[in-house]
N, C-alpha and C. Protein backbone atom coordinates (compact mmCIF):
# COMPACT_ATOMS: atom_id res chain seq x y z
N MET A 1 -169.91 -66.04 96.75
CA MET A 1 -168.72 -65.62 96.17
C MET A 1 -168.19 -64.91 96.91
N LEU A 2 -168.46 -64.12 98.14
CA LEU A 2 -167.95 -63.08 98.96
C LEU A 2 -166.62 -64.35 99.53
N LYS A 3 -166.99 -65.35 99.82
CA LYS A 3 -165.81 -65.67 100.57
C LYS A 3 -164.39 -65.98 100.17
N PHE A 4 -164.10 -65.45 98.27
CA PHE A 4 -163.43 -65.10 98.04
C PHE A 4 -162.52 -64.09 97.84
N SER A 5 -163.46 -62.81 98.80
CA SER A 5 -162.79 -61.58 98.48
C SER A 5 -161.40 -61.14 98.84
N TYR A 6 -161.02 -62.14 99.99
CA TYR A 6 -159.71 -62.18 100.25
C TYR A 6 -158.51 -62.62 99.01
N MET A 7 -159.00 -63.94 98.93
CA MET A 7 -157.82 -64.42 97.67
C MET A 7 -158.33 -63.78 96.55
N ALA A 8 -159.32 -62.85 95.98
CA ALA A 8 -159.26 -61.74 95.06
C ALA A 8 -158.56 -60.97 95.03
N MET A 9 -158.56 -60.45 95.94
CA MET A 9 -157.49 -59.25 96.49
C MET A 9 -155.79 -59.87 95.85
N LEU A 10 -155.72 -60.83 96.50
CA LEU A 10 -154.14 -61.36 96.44
C LEU A 10 -154.16 -61.57 94.89
N LEU A 11 -155.17 -62.57 94.25
CA LEU A 11 -154.94 -62.60 92.93
C LEU A 11 -155.01 -61.35 91.65
N PHE A 12 -155.50 -60.12 92.29
CA PHE A 12 -155.61 -59.24 91.39
C PHE A 12 -154.29 -58.34 91.60
N THR A 13 -153.48 -58.52 92.48
CA THR A 13 -152.15 -58.46 92.95
C THR A 13 -151.03 -58.95 91.94
N VAL A 14 -151.36 -60.63 92.15
CA VAL A 14 -150.73 -61.50 91.24
C VAL A 14 -150.35 -61.16 89.60
N VAL A 15 -151.58 -60.78 89.31
CA VAL A 15 -152.23 -60.59 88.59
C VAL A 15 -151.85 -59.16 87.84
N GLY A 16 -151.58 -57.81 88.63
CA GLY A 16 -151.02 -56.61 88.76
C GLY A 16 -149.78 -56.30 88.52
N SER A 17 -148.78 -57.30 89.31
CA SER A 17 -147.46 -56.84 89.17
C SER A 17 -146.71 -58.18 88.52
N PHE A 18 -146.92 -59.30 88.83
CA PHE A 18 -146.10 -60.73 88.37
C PHE A 18 -145.67 -60.89 86.84
N TRP A 19 -146.76 -60.36 85.94
CA TRP A 19 -146.55 -60.13 84.63
C TRP A 19 -145.08 -59.18 84.71
N LEU A 20 -144.55 -58.18 85.40
CA LEU A 20 -143.47 -57.73 85.14
C LEU A 20 -142.15 -58.57 85.43
N GLU A 21 -142.23 -59.50 85.57
CA GLU A 21 -141.41 -60.78 85.99
C GLU A 21 -140.91 -60.81 84.16
N PHE A 22 -141.93 -61.32 83.66
CA PHE A 22 -141.60 -62.04 82.15
C PHE A 22 -141.90 -61.34 81.02
N PHE A 23 -142.65 -60.15 81.40
CA PHE A 23 -142.86 -58.60 80.30
C PHE A 23 -141.11 -58.34 80.40
N LEU A 24 -140.73 -57.63 81.59
CA LEU A 24 -139.12 -56.94 81.30
C LEU A 24 -138.00 -57.82 81.80
N HIS A 25 -138.23 -59.09 82.18
CA HIS A 25 -137.34 -60.07 82.13
C HIS A 25 -136.22 -59.30 83.64
N ILE A 26 -136.89 -58.82 84.43
CA ILE A 26 -136.17 -58.62 85.96
C ILE A 26 -135.65 -59.57 86.77
N ARG A 27 -136.22 -60.80 86.39
CA ARG A 27 -135.48 -62.15 87.01
C ARG A 27 -135.47 -61.50 88.63
N VAL A 28 -136.38 -61.28 89.21
CA VAL A 28 -136.65 -61.28 90.59
C VAL A 28 -137.28 -62.61 91.19
N LEU A 29 -138.06 -63.31 90.67
CA LEU A 29 -138.66 -64.46 91.05
C LEU A 29 -137.78 -65.69 90.84
N GLY A 30 -136.73 -65.63 90.25
CA GLY A 30 -135.44 -66.45 90.35
C GLY A 30 -133.98 -66.14 91.25
N LYS A 31 -134.56 -65.46 91.96
CA LYS A 31 -133.45 -65.19 93.39
C LYS A 31 -134.21 -65.55 94.27
N ILE A 32 -134.75 -66.79 94.70
CA ILE A 32 -135.35 -67.40 95.92
C ILE A 32 -134.62 -66.93 97.27
N ARG A 33 -133.66 -67.08 97.28
CA ARG A 33 -132.62 -67.15 98.58
C ARG A 33 -132.49 -65.69 98.74
N LEU A 34 -132.75 -64.23 97.88
CA LEU A 34 -132.84 -62.91 98.39
C LEU A 34 -133.91 -62.61 98.65
N LEU A 35 -135.31 -63.44 98.19
CA LEU A 35 -136.33 -63.03 98.41
C LEU A 35 -136.63 -63.58 99.91
N VAL A 36 -136.35 -64.73 99.88
CA VAL A 36 -136.84 -65.33 101.18
C VAL A 36 -136.02 -64.85 102.35
N SER A 37 -134.81 -63.86 102.42
CA SER A 37 -134.01 -63.48 102.78
C SER A 37 -134.66 -62.17 103.66
N SER A 38 -135.32 -61.27 102.56
CA SER A 38 -135.60 -60.00 102.35
C SER A 38 -136.98 -60.28 102.99
N ILE A 39 -137.80 -61.25 102.83
CA ILE A 39 -139.53 -61.24 103.04
C ILE A 39 -139.55 -61.80 104.33
N PHE A 40 -138.70 -63.14 105.17
CA PHE A 40 -139.18 -63.90 105.87
C PHE A 40 -139.22 -63.33 107.48
N PRO A 41 -137.84 -62.36 107.46
CA PRO A 41 -137.83 -61.99 109.12
C PRO A 41 -138.92 -60.83 109.04
N VAL A 42 -139.36 -59.74 108.11
CA VAL A 42 -140.64 -59.19 108.35
C VAL A 42 -141.76 -59.76 108.73
N ALA A 43 -141.94 -61.05 107.89
CA ALA A 43 -143.19 -61.82 107.90
C ALA A 43 -143.68 -61.81 109.29
N MET A 44 -142.56 -62.58 109.79
CA MET A 44 -142.15 -63.48 111.04
C MET A 44 -142.71 -62.16 112.11
N VAL A 45 -142.21 -61.19 112.16
CA VAL A 45 -142.58 -60.09 113.41
C VAL A 45 -144.35 -59.87 112.84
N PHE A 46 -144.70 -59.72 111.42
CA PHE A 46 -145.90 -59.47 111.69
C PHE A 46 -147.41 -60.62 111.66
N ILE A 47 -146.64 -61.72 111.35
CA ILE A 47 -147.57 -62.70 111.65
C ILE A 47 -147.35 -63.09 113.65
N ILE A 48 -146.24 -62.92 113.91
CA ILE A 48 -146.53 -62.94 115.37
C ILE A 48 -147.32 -61.98 116.24
N TRP A 49 -147.12 -60.42 115.75
CA TRP A 49 -148.41 -59.74 115.55
C TRP A 49 -149.77 -59.69 115.34
N ASP A 50 -149.85 -60.35 114.55
CA ASP A 50 -151.15 -60.98 113.91
C ASP A 50 -151.94 -61.94 115.39
N ALA A 51 -150.68 -62.87 115.62
CA ALA A 51 -151.38 -63.90 116.19
C ALA A 51 -151.70 -63.63 117.76
N TYR A 52 -150.69 -62.61 118.01
CA TYR A 52 -151.12 -61.52 119.15
C TYR A 52 -152.26 -60.88 119.25
N ALA A 53 -152.64 -60.24 118.43
CA ALA A 53 -154.08 -59.30 118.47
C ALA A 53 -155.12 -60.24 117.79
N ILE A 54 -154.86 -61.30 117.10
CA ILE A 54 -155.82 -62.19 117.38
C ILE A 54 -156.55 -63.17 118.58
N SER A 55 -155.33 -63.33 119.21
CA SER A 55 -155.20 -64.15 120.49
C SER A 55 -155.84 -63.04 121.40
N ARG A 56 -155.63 -62.07 121.67
CA ARG A 56 -156.63 -60.72 122.24
C ARG A 56 -157.75 -60.34 121.87
N HIS A 57 -158.08 -60.92 120.93
CA HIS A 57 -159.53 -60.01 119.93
C HIS A 57 -159.17 -58.57 119.62
N HIS A 58 -158.51 -58.52 119.22
CA HIS A 58 -158.08 -56.57 119.01
C HIS A 58 -158.05 -56.93 117.31
N TRP A 59 -157.94 -58.08 116.51
CA TRP A 59 -157.86 -58.26 115.37
C TRP A 59 -158.75 -59.42 114.97
N HIS A 60 -159.72 -59.51 113.83
CA HIS A 60 -160.18 -60.60 113.73
C HIS A 60 -160.68 -60.50 111.89
N PHE A 61 -160.60 -61.58 111.32
CA PHE A 61 -160.97 -61.70 110.17
C PHE A 61 -162.35 -62.02 109.69
N ASP A 62 -163.26 -61.48 108.69
CA ASP A 62 -164.43 -61.55 108.15
C ASP A 62 -164.67 -62.77 107.86
N MET A 63 -165.18 -63.54 108.54
CA MET A 63 -165.79 -65.44 108.12
C MET A 63 -166.23 -65.57 106.61
N LYS A 64 -167.08 -64.31 106.61
CA LYS A 64 -167.75 -64.09 105.09
C LYS A 64 -166.72 -64.29 103.98
N GLN A 65 -165.49 -63.28 104.05
CA GLN A 65 -164.88 -63.09 103.03
C GLN A 65 -163.33 -63.80 103.13
N ILE A 66 -163.35 -65.30 103.72
CA ILE A 66 -162.16 -66.03 103.64
C ILE A 66 -162.59 -67.21 103.60
N VAL A 67 -161.84 -68.00 103.11
CA VAL A 67 -162.21 -69.48 102.69
C VAL A 67 -162.28 -70.39 103.57
N GLY A 68 -161.78 -70.04 105.02
CA GLY A 68 -161.88 -71.04 106.14
C GLY A 68 -160.71 -71.90 106.63
N VAL A 69 -159.77 -71.41 105.45
CA VAL A 69 -158.26 -72.48 105.89
C VAL A 69 -157.63 -71.98 106.82
N TYR A 70 -157.36 -72.19 108.06
CA TYR A 70 -156.14 -71.38 109.22
C TYR A 70 -154.90 -72.19 109.24
N GLY A 71 -154.15 -71.67 109.40
CA GLY A 71 -152.60 -72.07 109.59
C GLY A 71 -152.58 -72.13 111.19
N PRO A 72 -151.07 -72.25 111.80
CA PRO A 72 -150.69 -71.98 112.75
C PRO A 72 -151.48 -70.26 113.27
N PHE A 73 -151.28 -70.89 115.19
CA PHE A 73 -152.08 -69.67 115.43
C PHE A 73 -153.24 -69.17 114.96
N HIS A 74 -153.98 -69.79 114.53
CA HIS A 74 -155.38 -69.70 113.88
C HIS A 74 -155.42 -68.39 112.94
N ILE A 75 -154.71 -68.40 112.23
CA ILE A 75 -154.25 -67.06 111.30
C ILE A 75 -154.66 -67.61 109.72
N PRO A 76 -155.63 -66.90 108.98
CA PRO A 76 -155.99 -67.53 107.84
C PRO A 76 -155.08 -68.03 106.52
N LEU A 77 -154.81 -68.71 105.69
CA LEU A 77 -154.18 -68.86 104.62
C LEU A 77 -154.16 -67.74 103.81
N GLU A 78 -154.89 -66.80 103.59
CA GLU A 78 -154.95 -65.42 102.98
C GLU A 78 -154.17 -64.79 103.71
N GLU A 79 -153.83 -64.67 104.72
CA GLU A 79 -153.02 -63.59 105.51
C GLU A 79 -152.13 -64.03 105.67
N TYR A 80 -151.57 -65.22 105.46
CA TYR A 80 -150.01 -66.39 105.23
C TYR A 80 -149.40 -65.82 103.97
N LEU A 81 -150.66 -65.89 102.95
CA LEU A 81 -150.43 -65.44 101.53
C LEU A 81 -149.98 -63.59 101.06
N PHE A 82 -150.68 -63.04 101.79
CA PHE A 82 -150.35 -61.64 102.02
C PHE A 82 -148.99 -61.25 102.33
N PHE A 83 -148.55 -62.16 103.12
CA PHE A 83 -147.32 -61.74 103.53
C PHE A 83 -146.21 -61.99 102.62
N LEU A 84 -146.55 -63.28 101.66
CA LEU A 84 -145.66 -63.58 100.85
C LEU A 84 -145.62 -62.63 99.47
N ILE A 85 -147.13 -62.79 99.02
CA ILE A 85 -147.30 -62.27 97.84
C ILE A 85 -146.87 -60.02 97.71
N ILE A 86 -147.70 -59.82 99.11
CA ILE A 86 -147.58 -58.34 98.86
C ILE A 86 -146.34 -57.71 98.26
N PRO A 87 -145.18 -58.50 99.65
CA PRO A 87 -143.40 -57.93 99.15
C PRO A 87 -143.00 -58.64 98.16
N ILE A 88 -143.39 -59.62 97.72
CA ILE A 88 -142.96 -59.85 96.32
C ILE A 88 -143.41 -59.00 95.31
N ALA A 89 -144.59 -58.65 94.94
CA ALA A 89 -145.04 -57.76 93.84
C ALA A 89 -144.49 -56.35 94.90
N ALA A 90 -144.17 -55.81 95.63
CA ALA A 90 -144.00 -54.32 95.80
C ALA A 90 -142.26 -54.63 95.53
N ILE A 91 -141.68 -55.46 95.49
CA ILE A 91 -139.68 -55.82 94.70
C ILE A 91 -140.05 -55.80 93.37
N LEU A 92 -141.01 -56.43 93.28
CA LEU A 92 -141.32 -56.72 91.45
C LEU A 92 -141.41 -55.10 90.64
N THR A 93 -142.66 -54.25 91.32
CA THR A 93 -142.62 -53.33 90.92
C THR A 93 -141.74 -52.61 91.01
N PHE A 94 -140.61 -52.57 91.95
CA PHE A 94 -139.33 -51.52 92.00
C PHE A 94 -138.70 -51.99 91.48
N GLU A 95 -138.53 -53.56 91.17
CA GLU A 95 -137.18 -53.61 89.60
C GLU A 95 -137.97 -53.18 88.68
N ALA A 96 -138.83 -53.27 88.34
CA ALA A 96 -139.29 -53.09 86.99
C ALA A 96 -139.42 -51.51 86.61
N VAL A 97 -139.66 -50.70 87.71
CA VAL A 97 -139.28 -49.28 87.73
C VAL A 97 -137.73 -49.07 87.26
N VAL A 98 -137.09 -49.16 88.21
CA VAL A 98 -135.47 -49.26 88.06
C VAL A 98 -134.81 -49.80 86.41
N SER A 99 -135.87 -51.13 86.16
CA SER A 99 -135.19 -51.38 84.55
C SER A 99 -135.37 -50.32 83.49
N VAL A 100 -136.40 -49.83 83.85
CA VAL A 100 -137.04 -48.95 82.97
C VAL A 100 -136.52 -47.44 82.77
N LYS A 101 -136.55 -47.23 84.41
CA LYS A 101 -135.17 -46.07 84.59
C LYS A 101 -134.42 -46.05 84.92
N LYS A 102 -133.70 -46.08 84.21
CA LYS A 102 -131.96 -46.76 83.83
C LYS A 102 -131.15 -45.70 85.15
N HIS A 103 -131.50 -44.54 85.19
CA HIS A 103 -130.76 -43.34 85.85
C HIS A 103 -131.01 -43.87 87.43
N TRP A 104 -132.35 -44.61 87.98
CA TRP A 104 -132.33 -45.10 88.82
C TRP A 104 -131.65 -45.69 89.70
N GLU A 105 -130.95 -46.74 88.86
CA GLU A 105 -130.29 -47.79 89.12
C GLU A 105 -128.52 -47.30 89.95
N GLN A 106 -128.12 -45.96 89.20
CA GLN A 106 -127.27 -45.42 89.71
C GLN A 106 -127.61 -44.54 91.13
N ASP A 107 -129.03 -43.86 91.36
CA ASP A 107 -129.44 -43.29 91.90
C ASP A 107 -129.30 -44.44 93.21
N ARG A 108 -129.62 -45.73 93.31
CA ARG A 108 -129.99 -46.79 94.16
C ARG A 108 -128.45 -47.13 94.72
N ALA A 109 -127.37 -47.13 93.75
CA ALA A 109 -126.05 -47.38 93.82
C ALA A 109 -125.00 -46.67 95.09
N ASN A 110 -125.98 -45.56 94.85
CA ASN A 110 -125.49 -44.43 95.71
C ASN A 110 -125.82 -44.01 97.30
N LEU A 111 -126.77 -44.87 97.17
CA LEU A 111 -127.35 -44.73 98.42
C LEU A 111 -126.38 -46.24 98.99
N LYS A 112 -126.09 -46.72 98.80
CA LYS A 112 -125.15 -47.84 99.23
C LYS A 112 -124.04 -47.87 100.18
């Protein structure tokens, strides 16, 4: 079971935040183009950083805690999912708070 530790953390994040989409009807997941344009550039930077760190042996993943499926640059599947799930969870959480605290919407508009 230890090999599912990273996946369990990701699942915990999904369970802990994705319900906000449906309970508060914030409609974040329906805005795929906006999500991709927000997440993709940053994820690419961190994937390149991970790939470099792995190739130089500055960074590694505990083989006992990952499922063992690798993508490009010998980066584990869990790490790719991390760069997708965690930003979506953060955006969901932020949008959920704004939907509950209506005055935050005006504060956010003033920042633009």
